Amino acid sequence: MTWWQITLAVLAFIALCAFLAIWAKAAAYRREAEEYGDDDAQNS
């Protein structure tokens, strides 16, 4: 692999990790809102 392919792979990995972290946090927030019946969280 050339240096730009390695750089691209690292950036893609970081982006994937960030996406998964944000998605997991959002999913947990929605799950808590459903459990406690928080209408404000569901409407936003």
C-alpha atoms as a PDB file:
ATOM      1  CA  MET A   1       0.000   0.000   0.000  1.00  0.00           C
ATOM      2  CA  THR A   2       1.132   3.514  -0.705  1.00  0.00           C
ATOM      3  CA  TRP A   3       1.161   6.258   1.923  1.00  0.00           C
ATOM      4  CA  TRP A   4      -2.040   7.876   0.647  1.00  0.00           C
ATOM      5  CA  GLN A   5      -3.907   4.566   0.779  1.00  0.00           C
ATOM      6  CA  ILE A   6      -2.802   4.092   4.388  1.00  0.00           C
ATOM      7  CA  THR A   7      -3.871   7.658   5.217  1.00  0.00           C
ATOM      8  CA  LEU A   8      -7.249   7.102   3.552  1.00  0.00           C
ATOM      9  CA  ALA A   9      -7.769   3.835   5.440  1.00  0.00           C
ATOM     10  CA  VAL A  10      -6.951   5.489   8.783  1.00  0.00           C
ATOM     11  CA  LEU A  11      -9.296   8.403   8.086  1.00  0.00           C
ATOM     12  CA  ALA A  12     -12.076   6.013   7.052  1.00  0.00           C
ATOM     13  CA  PHE A  13     -11.569   3.997  10.248  1.00  0.00           C
ATOM     14  CA  ILE A  14     -11.731   7.142  12.403  1.00  0.00           C
ATOM     15  CA  ALA A  15     -14.878   8.296  10.579  1.00  0.00           C
ATOM     16  CA  LEU A  16     -16.489   4.896  11.103  1.00  0.00           C
ATOM     17  CA  CYS A  17     -15.687   4.931  14.821  1.00  0.00           C
ATOM     18  CA  ALA A  18     -17.075   8.455  15.179  1.00  0.00           C
ATOM     19  CA  PHE A  19     -20.257   7.481  13.309  1.00  0.00           C
ATOM     20  CA  LEU A  20     -20.780   4.399  15.468  1.00  0.00           C
ATOM     21  CA  ALA A  21     -20.190   6.372  18.679  1.00  0.00           C
ATOM     22  CA  ILE A  22     -22.685   9.065  17.677  1.00  0.00           C
ATOM     23  CA  TRP A  23     -25.246   6.472  16.524  1.00  0.00           C
ATOM     24  CA  ALA A  24     -24.926   4.469  19.741  1.00  0.00           C
ATOM     25  CA  LYS A  25     -25.325   7.615  21.861  1.00  0.00           C
ATOM     26  CA  ALA A  26     -28.411   8.659  19.882  1.00  0.00           C
ATOM     27  CA  ALA A  27     -29.913   5.168  20.154  1.00  0.00           C
ATOM     28  CA  ALA A  28     -29.378   5.119  23.921  1.00  0.00           C
ATOM     29  CA  TYR A  29     -30.950   8.581  24.215  1.00  0.00           C
ATOM     30  CA  ARG A  30     -34.027   7.474  22.244  1.00  0.00           C
ATOM     31  CA  ARG A  31     -34.325   4.290  24.333  1.00  0.00           C
ATOM     32  CA  GLU A  32     -34.236   6.276  27.587  1.00  0.00           C
ATOM     33  CA  ALA A  33     -36.787   8.749  26.235  1.00  0.00           C
ATOM     34  CA  GLU A  34     -39.153   5.900  25.362  1.00  0.00           C
ATOM     35  CA  GLU A  35     -38.760   4.278  28.783  1.00  0.00           C
ATOM     36  CA  TYR A  36     -39.502   7.468  30.690  1.00  0.00           C
ATOM     37  CA  GLY A  37     -42.148   8.794  28.296  1.00  0.00           C
ATOM     38  CA  ASP A  38     -40.299  12.006  27.466  1.00  0.00           C
ATOM     39  CA  ASP A  39     -42.373  13.555  24.673  1.00  0.00           C
ATOM     40  CA  ASP A  40     -39.903  16.384  24.086  1.00  0.00           C
ATOM     41  CA  ALA A  41     -37.127  13.961  23.158  1.00  0.00           C
ATOM     42  CA  GLN A  42     -39.305  12.060  20.705  1.00  0.00           C
ATOM     43  CA  ASN A  43     -40.649  15.150  18.934  1.00  0.00           C
ATOM     44  CA  SER A  44     -37.250  16.701  18.304  1.00  0.00           C
END
